[in-house]
Structure formats: C-alpha cells, structure tokens
Protein backbone atom coordinates (compact mmCIF):
# COMPACT_ATOMS: atom_id res chain seq x y z
CA MET A 1 -0.01 -0.09 0.18
CA ARG A 2 0.88 3.60 -0.72
CA ILE A 3 1.80 6.13 2.06
CA LEU A 4 -1.49 7.86 0.68
CA ASP A 5 -3.55 4.61 0.78
CA TRP A 6 -2.48 4.66 4.61
CA TYR A 7 -3.53 8.03 5.14
CA ILE A 8 -6.60 7.97 3.90
CA LEU A 9 -7.37 4.74 5.88
CA LYS A 10 -6.33 6.01 9.04
CA ARG A 11 -8.17 9.37 8.44
CA TYR A 12 -11.20 6.71 8.09
CA LEU A 13 -11.27 4.09 10.40
CA VAL A 14 -9.75 7.35 13.70
CA THR A 15 -12.95 9.96 12.54
CA PHE A 16 -15.81 6.94 12.28
CA VAL A 17 -14.67 6.09 15.55
CA PHE A 18 -14.57 9.56 16.91
CA THR A 19 -17.94 9.99 15.01
CA LEU A 20 -18.67 6.72 17.70
CA LEU A 21 -17.70 8.54 21.43
CA ILE A 22 -19.41 11.54 20.38
CA LEU A 23 -22.73 9.86 19.19
CA ILE A 24 -22.87 6.89 21.95
CA PRO A 25 -22.09 9.67 25.32
CA ILE A 26 -25.35 11.88 23.76
CA ALA A 27 -27.63 8.59 23.40
CA ILE A 28 -26.33 7.32 27.06
CA ALA A 29 -27.24 11.02 28.41
CA ILE A 30 -30.86 11.03 26.83
CA ASP A 31 -30.92 7.92 28.04
CA ILE A 32 -30.54 8.75 31.57
CA ALA A 33 -32.67 11.11 31.83
CA GLU A 34 -35.04 9.22 30.86
CA LYS A 35 -34.77 6.12 33.22
CA ILE A 36 -33.20 8.37 35.79
CA ASP A 37 -36.60 8.02 38.14
CA ASN A 38 -37.15 4.09 37.77
CA PHE A 39 -33.56 3.02 38.48
CA LEU A 40 -34.29 5.43 41.87
CA GLU A 41 -37.02 3.39 42.59
CA HIS A 42 -35.29 0.36 43.36
CA ALA A 43 -33.26 0.54 47.16
CA ASP A 44 -31.54 -2.66 45.71
CA LEU A 45 -30.25 -1.57 42.83
CA GLY A 46 -26.71 -0.82 42.84
CA PHE A 47 -24.50 1.34 40.30
CA ILE A 48 -22.32 -1.63 39.56
CA GLU A 49 -25.47 -3.42 38.52
CA ILE A 50 -26.33 -0.13 36.12
CA VAL A 51 -23.33 -0.89 34.34
CA ASN A 52 -21.97 -3.92 33.83
CA ASP A 53 -26.16 -5.40 33.35
CA TYR A 54 -27.08 -2.21 31.01
CA TYR A 55 -25.11 0.24 30.16
CA LEU A 56 -22.36 -1.83 28.54
CA ASN A 57 -24.82 -3.60 26.82
CA PHE A 58 -26.38 -0.67 26.15
CA ILE A 59 -23.41 0.59 24.46
CA ILE A 60 -22.87 -3.06 22.43
CA TYR A 61 -26.72 -2.37 20.51
CA TYR A 62 -26.22 1.35 20.39
CA ALA A 63 -22.63 1.59 18.86
CA ASN A 64 -23.46 -1.22 16.56
CA THR A 65 -26.64 0.83 15.52
CA PHE A 66 -24.87 3.88 14.90
CA MET A 67 -22.61 2.41 12.85
CA PRO A 68 -23.88 3.10 9.41
CA LEU A 69 -24.80 7.04 10.46
CA ALA A 70 -21.53 7.07 12.43
CA VAL A 71 -19.06 5.74 8.82
CA PHE A 72 -21.49 8.43 6.63
CA ILE A 73 -20.44 11.25 8.63
CA ALA A 74 -17.52 10.56 9.52
CA VAL A 75 -16.64 10.19 5.61
CA ILE A 76 -18.09 13.23 4.35
CA LEU A 77 -16.26 15.35 6.89
CA PHE A 78 -12.59 14.01 6.59
CA THR A 79 -13.55 14.01 2.70
CA SER A 80 -14.57 17.22 2.84
CA LYS A 81 -11.39 18.70 5.06
CA LEU A 82 -9.53 16.99 2.01
CA ALA A 83 -11.24 18.82 -0.59
CA ASN A 84 -11.00 22.01 1.65
CA ASN A 85 -7.07 21.42 1.76
CA THR A 86 -7.04 21.23 -1.99
CA GLU A 87 -5.81 17.54 -1.38
CA ILE A 88 -7.86 15.67 -3.67
CA ILE A 89 -7.02 18.30 -6.20
CA ALA A 90 -3.10 17.39 -6.02
CA MET A 91 -3.90 13.80 -5.95
CA SER A 92 -5.75 14.54 -9.47
CA ASN A 93 -2.83 16.04 -10.74
CA ALA A 94 -0.69 12.99 -9.80
CA LYS A 95 -2.70 10.98 -11.89
CA ILE A 96 -4.79 9.64 -9.35
CA SER A 97 -7.99 8.55 -10.89
CA PHE A 98 -11.34 8.32 -8.84
CA GLU A 99 -11.30 4.60 -8.85
CA ARG A 100 -7.83 4.32 -7.37
CA MET A 101 -8.52 6.81 -4.40
CA MET A 102 -11.91 4.81 -3.69
CA PHE A 103 -9.51 1.67 -2.97
CA PRO A 104 -8.90 2.80 0.61
CA TYR A 105 -12.04 3.82 1.31
CA PHE A 106 -13.60 0.24 0.39
CA LEU A 107 -11.00 -1.24 2.39
CA GLY A 108 -11.85 0.97 5.96
CA ALA A 109 -15.39 -0.06 4.99
CA THR A 110 -14.57 -3.69 4.76
CA ILE A 111 -12.94 -3.44 7.88
CA VAL A 112 -16.55 -1.69 10.13
CA THR A 113 -18.39 -4.71 7.18
CA ILE A 114 -16.44 -7.31 8.90
CA LEU A 115 -17.29 -5.68 12.50
CA ALA A 116 -21.14 -4.70 12.11
CA LEU A 117 -21.38 -8.61 10.82
CA LEU A 118 -19.80 -10.58 13.57
CA MET A 119 -21.84 -7.90 16.13
CA ASN A 120 -24.80 -8.25 14.56
CA HIS A 121 -24.98 -11.82 13.91
CA PHE A 122 -23.10 -12.92 18.00
CA VAL A 123 -22.30 -10.30 20.02
CA VAL A 124 -25.53 -8.01 19.78
CA PRO A 125 -28.18 -10.78 20.50
CA SER A 126 -26.04 -12.20 23.29
CA SER A 127 -26.08 -8.77 24.83
CA SER A 128 -29.76 -7.91 24.24
CA LYS A 129 -30.84 -11.15 26.24
CA ILE A 130 -28.60 -8.96 29.55
CA ARG A 131 -30.62 -5.89 28.34
CA LYS A 132 -33.99 -6.98 27.81
CA LYS A 133 -34.09 -8.76 31.10
CA PHE A 134 -32.84 -5.56 33.01
CA GLU A 135 -35.10 -3.48 31.54
CA GLN A 136 -38.08 -5.64 32.47
CA THR A 137 -37.35 -6.05 35.73
CA TYR A 138 -36.81 -2.33 36.69
CA VAL A 139 -37.17 -0.54 33.68
CA SER A 140 -40.62 -1.91 31.96
CA ARG A 141 -43.91 -1.25 33.08
CA LYS A 142 -45.05 -4.76 31.10
CA LYS A 143 -48.44 -4.61 29.63
CA ILE A 144 -50.53 -8.09 30.51
CA GLN A 145 -51.18 -9.16 26.55
CA ASP A 146 -47.53 -9.13 25.98
CA ASN A 147 -47.48 -12.31 28.46
CA TYR A 148 -51.03 -13.29 27.24
CA VAL A 149 -51.35 -15.91 23.73
CA GLN A 150 -54.84 -16.40 22.43
CA ASN A 151 -56.18 -18.83 20.04
CA PHE A 152 -52.76 -20.20 19.77
CA SER A 153 -52.04 -23.83 17.31
CA LEU A 154 -48.47 -25.75 16.78
CA GLN A 155 -48.16 -28.25 14.33
CA MET A 156 -45.48 -30.31 16.29
CA SER A 157 -44.93 -33.05 13.55
CA ASP A 158 -46.57 -34.28 10.76
CA SER A 159 -49.20 -36.33 12.51
CA THR A 160 -49.72 -34.44 15.77
CA TYR A 161 -50.97 -30.83 16.37
CA ILE A 162 -51.92 -28.62 19.60
CA PHE A 163 -54.67 -25.77 19.71
CA ILE A 164 -54.45 -24.11 23.47
CA LYS A 165 -57.57 -21.32 24.03
CA ASN A 166 -55.24 -18.56 26.18
CA TYR A 167 -52.17 -19.31 28.16
CA ASN A 168 -50.48 -17.06 30.86
CA ILE A 169 -46.37 -16.43 30.46
CA THR A 170 -46.22 -14.94 33.30
CA SER A 171 -48.10 -17.96 35.10
CA ASN A 172 -47.52 -20.96 33.32
CA THR A 173 -50.74 -21.86 33.61
CA GLY A 174 -53.82 -21.90 30.39
CA GLN A 175 -56.88 -23.13 29.32
CA ASN A 176 -58.53 -25.20 27.10
CA PHE A 177 -55.98 -27.26 25.69
CA THR A 178 -56.51 -30.31 22.12
CA SER A 179 -53.67 -32.00 21.19
CA GLU A 180 -54.70 -34.14 17.70
CA VAL A 181 -53.04 -36.79 16.28
CA TYR A 182 -53.14 -37.58 12.46
CA ASP A 183 -52.92 -40.62 10.49
CA GLY A 184 -52.93 -38.80 6.61
CA LEU A 185 -55.95 -37.27 6.92
CA GLU A 186 -57.66 -39.55 9.74
CA LEU A 187 -58.00 -38.71 13.01
CA LYS A 188 -56.74 -41.03 15.78
CA SER A 189 -56.27 -39.97 19.01
CA LYS A 190 -57.94 -36.77 20.71
CA LEU A 191 -56.91 -35.20 24.37
CA VAL A 192 -58.35 -32.21 25.20
CA ALA A 193 -58.49 -30.55 28.75
CA GLN A 194 -60.04 -27.42 30.78
CA GLY A 195 -56.43 -26.26 32.57
CA ILE A 196 -52.66 -26.93 31.41
CA ARG A 197 -49.48 -25.81 33.39
CA TRP A 198 -45.94 -26.20 32.79
CA ASN A 199 -44.06 -28.02 35.83
CA ALA A 200 -40.50 -26.00 34.76
CA LYS A 201 -38.98 -28.13 38.12
CA ASP A 202 -40.02 -31.67 36.16
CA SER A 203 -40.22 -30.61 32.53
CA VAL A 204 -43.85 -32.00 32.55
CA PHE A 205 -47.07 -30.54 32.11
CA SER A 206 -49.85 -30.50 34.43
CA LEU A 207 -53.60 -31.26 33.22
CA THR A 208 -56.62 -30.80 35.04
CA SER A 209 -59.93 -32.16 33.93
CA TYR A 210 -58.61 -34.45 31.32
CA GLN A 211 -60.68 -37.33 28.30
CA ARG A 212 -58.18 -38.54 25.85
CA ARG A 213 -60.45 -40.32 23.22
CA GLU A 214 -58.47 -42.80 21.19
CA LEU A 215 -60.47 -43.89 17.17
CA LYS A 216 -59.89 -47.13 16.27
CA SER A 217 -61.83 -48.59 13.58
CA LYS A 218 -64.93 -50.61 14.87
CA THR A 219 -65.04 -48.94 18.33
CA ASP A 220 -63.31 -45.92 20.16
CA SER A 221 -62.19 -45.77 24.02
CA ILE A 222 -62.89 -42.71 26.36
CA PHE A 223 -60.72 -41.66 29.33
CA LYS A 224 -61.14 -39.42 31.97
CA GLY A 225 -58.99 -37.83 34.49
CA ASN A 226 -58.86 -34.72 37.07
CA ASN A 227 -54.85 -34.97 36.90
CA LEU A 228 -52.89 -35.93 34.28
CA ASP A 229 -48.70 -35.06 34.12
CA THR A 230 -47.53 -35.67 30.85
CA ILE A 231 -44.41 -34.48 28.00
CA PHE A 232 -45.27 -32.47 24.86
CA ASN A 233 -42.09 -31.96 22.24
CA PHE A 234 -43.02 -27.90 23.56
CA THR A 235 -42.04 -25.91 26.26
CA PRO A 236 -43.91 -22.07 26.79
CA LYS A 237 -41.12 -20.28 25.60
CA ASP A 238 -42.82 -21.76 21.88
CA LEU A 239 -45.50 -20.32 22.51
CA ILE A 240 -43.65 -16.81 22.04
CA TYR A 241 -44.04 -15.12 18.56
CA LYS A 242 -42.47 -12.05 18.34
CA SER A 243 -39.77 -9.78 17.03
CA ALA A 244 -38.27 -8.87 20.70
CA LEU A 245 -37.56 -12.54 21.14
CA ALA A 246 -35.54 -12.71 17.64
CA GLN A 247 -33.59 -9.73 18.84
CA GLU A 248 -32.09 -12.27 21.73
CA MET A 249 -30.62 -14.87 19.56
CA PRO A 250 -27.85 -15.56 17.78
CA SER A 251 -28.30 -16.32 14.28
CA ASP A 252 -27.22 -19.64 13.92
CA GLU A 253 -30.52 -20.51 17.19
CA LEU A 254 -32.53 -18.28 15.20
CA LEU A 255 -32.09 -19.49 11.84
CA ALA A 256 -32.70 -23.10 13.36
CA PHE A 257 -35.69 -21.29 15.40
CA ILE A 258 -37.20 -20.11 11.67
CA ASN A 259 -36.99 -23.83 9.97
CA LEU A 260 -38.02 -25.43 13.08
CA SER A 261 -41.10 -23.27 13.37
CA GLU A 262 -41.88 -23.47 9.17
CA LYS A 263 -42.06 -27.03 10.75
CA ARG A 264 -44.51 -26.59 12.53
CA GLY A 265 -47.08 -25.23 11.01
CA VAL A 266 -46.32 -21.25 11.99
CA LYS A 267 -48.28 -19.45 10.06
CA ASN A 268 -46.37 -15.53 9.56
CA LEU A 269 -42.46 -15.45 10.88
CA ASN A 270 -41.54 -12.22 8.55
CA ALA A 271 -40.87 -10.37 11.79
CA TYR A 272 -37.83 -13.14 13.24
CA LEU A 273 -37.13 -13.65 8.82
CA VAL A 274 -36.77 -9.93 8.73
CA GLU A 275 -34.44 -9.42 12.07
CA PHE A 276 -32.19 -11.85 10.52
CA HIS A 277 -31.91 -10.01 6.64
CA LYS A 278 -31.75 -6.83 8.88
CA ARG A 279 -28.47 -8.55 10.56
CA THR A 280 -26.86 -8.83 6.93
CA SER A 281 -28.40 -5.99 5.22
CA LEU A 282 -27.25 -3.42 7.25
CA PRO A 283 -23.13 -3.93 7.12
CA ILE A 284 -23.61 -3.93 4.04
CA ALA A 285 -24.85 -0.50 3.47
CA THR A 286 -22.10 0.43 4.46
CA TYR A 287 -20.15 -0.05 0.78
CA ILE A 288 -23.50 2.21 -0.28
CA LEU A 289 -23.04 4.76 2.27
CA THR A 290 -19.52 4.80 1.84
CA ILE A 291 -19.57 5.94 -1.93
CA ILE A 292 -22.11 7.91 -1.78
CA ALA A 293 -20.58 10.77 1.02
CA VAL A 294 -16.99 10.54 -1.02
CA ALA A 295 -18.96 11.37 -4.20
CA LEU A 296 -20.90 14.07 -2.31
CA ALA A 297 -17.89 15.45 -0.17
CA PHE A 298 -15.06 15.08 -2.72
CA ARG A 299 -15.17 18.81 -4.73
CA LYS A 300 -14.36 21.53 -2.58
CA ARG A 301 -17.99 23.79 -2.90
CA ARG A 302 -19.17 27.10 -1.26
CA GLY A 303 -20.11 26.53 2.02
CA GLY A 304 -17.74 23.83 2.65
CA THR A 305 -17.65 20.79 5.13
CA GLY A 306 -21.32 22.75 6.56
CA VAL A 307 -22.88 21.98 2.69
CA ASN A 308 -22.11 18.71 2.46
CA LEU A 309 -22.99 17.70 6.00
CA ALA A 310 -26.42 19.23 5.47
CA ILE A 311 -27.31 17.52 2.41
CA GLY A 312 -25.12 13.76 3.54
CA VAL A 313 -27.44 14.23 7.36
CA GLY A 314 -30.79 14.58 4.46
CA ILE A 315 -30.09 11.53 2.66
CA MET A 316 -29.25 9.77 6.08
CA PHE A 317 -32.49 10.45 7.15
CA ILE A 318 -34.28 9.60 4.02
CA TYR A 319 -32.31 6.13 4.61
CA VAL A 320 -33.57 5.45 8.14
CA PHE A 321 -37.16 6.72 6.83
CA PHE A 322 -37.14 3.48 4.27
CA LEU A 323 -35.28 1.43 6.17
CA LYS A 324 -38.03 1.06 8.92
CA ILE A 325 -40.76 1.58 6.69
CA SER A 326 -38.88 -1.19 5.16
CA GLU A 327 -39.29 -3.74 8.40
CA VAL A 328 -42.10 -2.73 9.05
CA LEU A 329 -43.73 -4.35 5.10
CA GLY A 330 -41.54 -6.71 5.63
CA GLY A 331 -42.95 -8.04 8.81
CA VAL A 332 -46.55 -8.59 7.04
CA ALA A 333 -47.66 -11.93 6.80
CA GLY A 334 -47.43 -12.89 3.03
CA VAL A 335 -44.69 -10.80 1.83
CA ASN A 336 -40.75 -11.19 0.50
CA SER A 337 -39.33 -10.29 3.92
CA LEU A 338 -35.54 -10.73 1.89
CA LEU A 339 -36.60 -8.06 -0.43
CA TYR A 340 -38.17 -5.64 1.34
CA VAL A 341 -35.43 -5.73 3.99
CA TRP A 342 -33.01 -5.12 1.30
CA PHE A 343 -35.04 -2.71 -0.73
CA PRO A 344 -33.10 0.35 0.97
CA ASN A 345 -30.17 -0.47 -0.18
CA ILE A 346 -31.35 -1.65 -3.65
CA ALA A 347 -32.79 2.03 -3.62
CA PHE A 348 -29.74 3.55 -2.66
CA GLY A 349 -27.07 1.55 -4.15
CA ILE A 350 -28.90 2.92 -7.48
CA LEU A 351 -27.80 6.13 -5.95
CA ALA A 352 -24.41 5.37 -5.01
CA ALA A 353 -23.77 3.79 -8.51
CA TYR A 354 -25.16 7.02 -10.63
CA LEU A 355 -23.05 9.53 -8.05
CA TYR A 356 -19.68 7.05 -8.81
CA LYS A 357 -20.60 7.88 -12.16
CA ASN A 358 -20.76 11.11 -12.26
CA ALA A 359 -17.93 11.25 -9.74
CA ARG A 360 -15.81 9.57 -12.47
CA LYS A 361 -15.73 12.52 -14.89
C-alpha cells in the first residue's frame, strides 16, 4: 500500500471512531434522563449493576446501531476537509484516478462491515438478552397482553397438532387445551383438557379435567381424569412469537428456530426473517453509504463541510425512513421479507452507482 492509502485509511477509521465516541455519550445522556426515576425506585439496585448489566450492553447495542450513520458522517467530514485543503486536487494532478482514490475507502468500509457482521450475528443478540432482562426487571411496566397468548395452534410433527385457547406466559397456566394425532387425514386420538400448567422443575405439563379419546377401526376408547402429568415436544417459550425474542437469539439459533417453526406450521415468521436478514443488510450498507458520502464531499464547494454535512444528514434520514418502512412492511404475512429488507440498499445502491459514475467524470 502507498503512503496515501494509509493516510486515507487512517483518517477513515479514526474519524469513524471519533464520531461514534460523540454519538454514544449523547445516547447515554438521553437514556439516563429518561430512566433515572426508574433506577431510583429500586433501593437494591447498585451503580455497578446498572453499569455492568445495562449500560455496557446499551453501548454495544447502540454502537452497532450507529455504525452506518457514524461511517457516513465520518466520510463526509474528513473527505470535505481533504477537498477544502485541495489535497484531492493534488491527487488528481498526480494522475490518481477516482477509482484508485476509492481503494482505501473500500478497505475501511470492509473493516467496518466485517466488525458489524460479527457483532450483528453473534455479539449483539447475547448482549440484548442481558439488557432486556434488566429493563423488564427494573424499567418496563409490562402489559398483560404481552404475556398472554390466545387461540394458538402449533404443528408438533407431521401427524400431531396442538391448540390452546389462552395461555398466560407469566403464570405458565392456560385453559382449553387440545392435542390431536392424525394418520394422514384420519384422526387417531384426541386429548382435551380444561386446564394446562407448565412444571418447569420436572419439565412436564400438568393437565386438569382431561379426556383422552382413542379412535379405532370399530370402537372408540375414552379415558377421563382429574389430573395428568405428561410430556409434549414444546415449552411455553415456543408459544411466544414476537420480534423482541428474535433480537435475543444469535443467528445460528434464530435460523434453527425459524426452520423448526416452519416445520411446525407457524404461519407468519416474517418478523423473525426481517431480523435475520437485517443483520446482514445493515453492515453491507456501509459500502453504499461510503460511496455516496465520498461522491458528495470530494469536490470543494462554497459553504464547505457544513453544506456537505447538511446534504448528507438529509440523505441519511431518508435512508433511515426507508429502512423503518421496509422493516414494518417486511413483517406483514405473505410478503417477501428478504426483498423488503434489502429494498433500501437496492434503492440507495442505484443512487450510489449514479453518483459514482458522475464523480468519475
């Protein structure tokens, strides 16, 4: 690598880290102002616990979230400074093409992208689990419906199906439980219970007021009872299908969960698929945002860095808006979640290609 490549790469990474170090304390200050009353309500909650269990994981989460924004702002800032100091003009006079000048930028984007991919797929989910547990204990005021499942059905295997009228995740109790076993299209047995309770200690379900019916070729057998302890191939965790749970799973666990849920006949897993695809699409956006930022800032213009930064922040807000809209639409049943998650990258990739082509001229 040339000295010039090291110079640009160093400026890229140093400005990126500097931008993150500005954004993270602002986010922490806003969060403390929001949650200080919740912290003070708990006399048993110590400063070390708040820092270790919450704010350390808070920093990991938001540092990863702010990475694309930090890259975009950082590239605009130091590239505008290069342009204002006529350093880019000197590169042009030295017969360094725009494509060659972009090499250290792409190298810096690759380093950030690899870091973001590792964090998104492995580090942030485990960190989020600790942070969310802290929030649920000391901050959140959980709503009843968040822990309440109604009219839930699950395909346990090719032949076994379960139905639950309602189930309370907090108390691990439910009503109107049904389990049906089929041989093809023919019903072979049916188990009905008025009440169901999960016994975590023994890993069994306790049924109350149950009735089991075995359907045979000529006769049916019916068994009734008040209490029955039995084992099913699911746990109360399998009844919770919401995007918040997806954020706490490492990618390998999340993908296995999605595949298992599809086999069990769960209808809409798009919220989980959106989370899985987003973990790759956001880091890849680093390349796109780097190209846009360089194309905006490499020319010296009246107004200097301020004008470039204002234009860049406007573009960034549009990107974030598209990103949020695509996540919401991608979570709707029946749509292609992969296409919706990648749509902002596709749209801004076209913009980046257009700006790159013009910048080469």
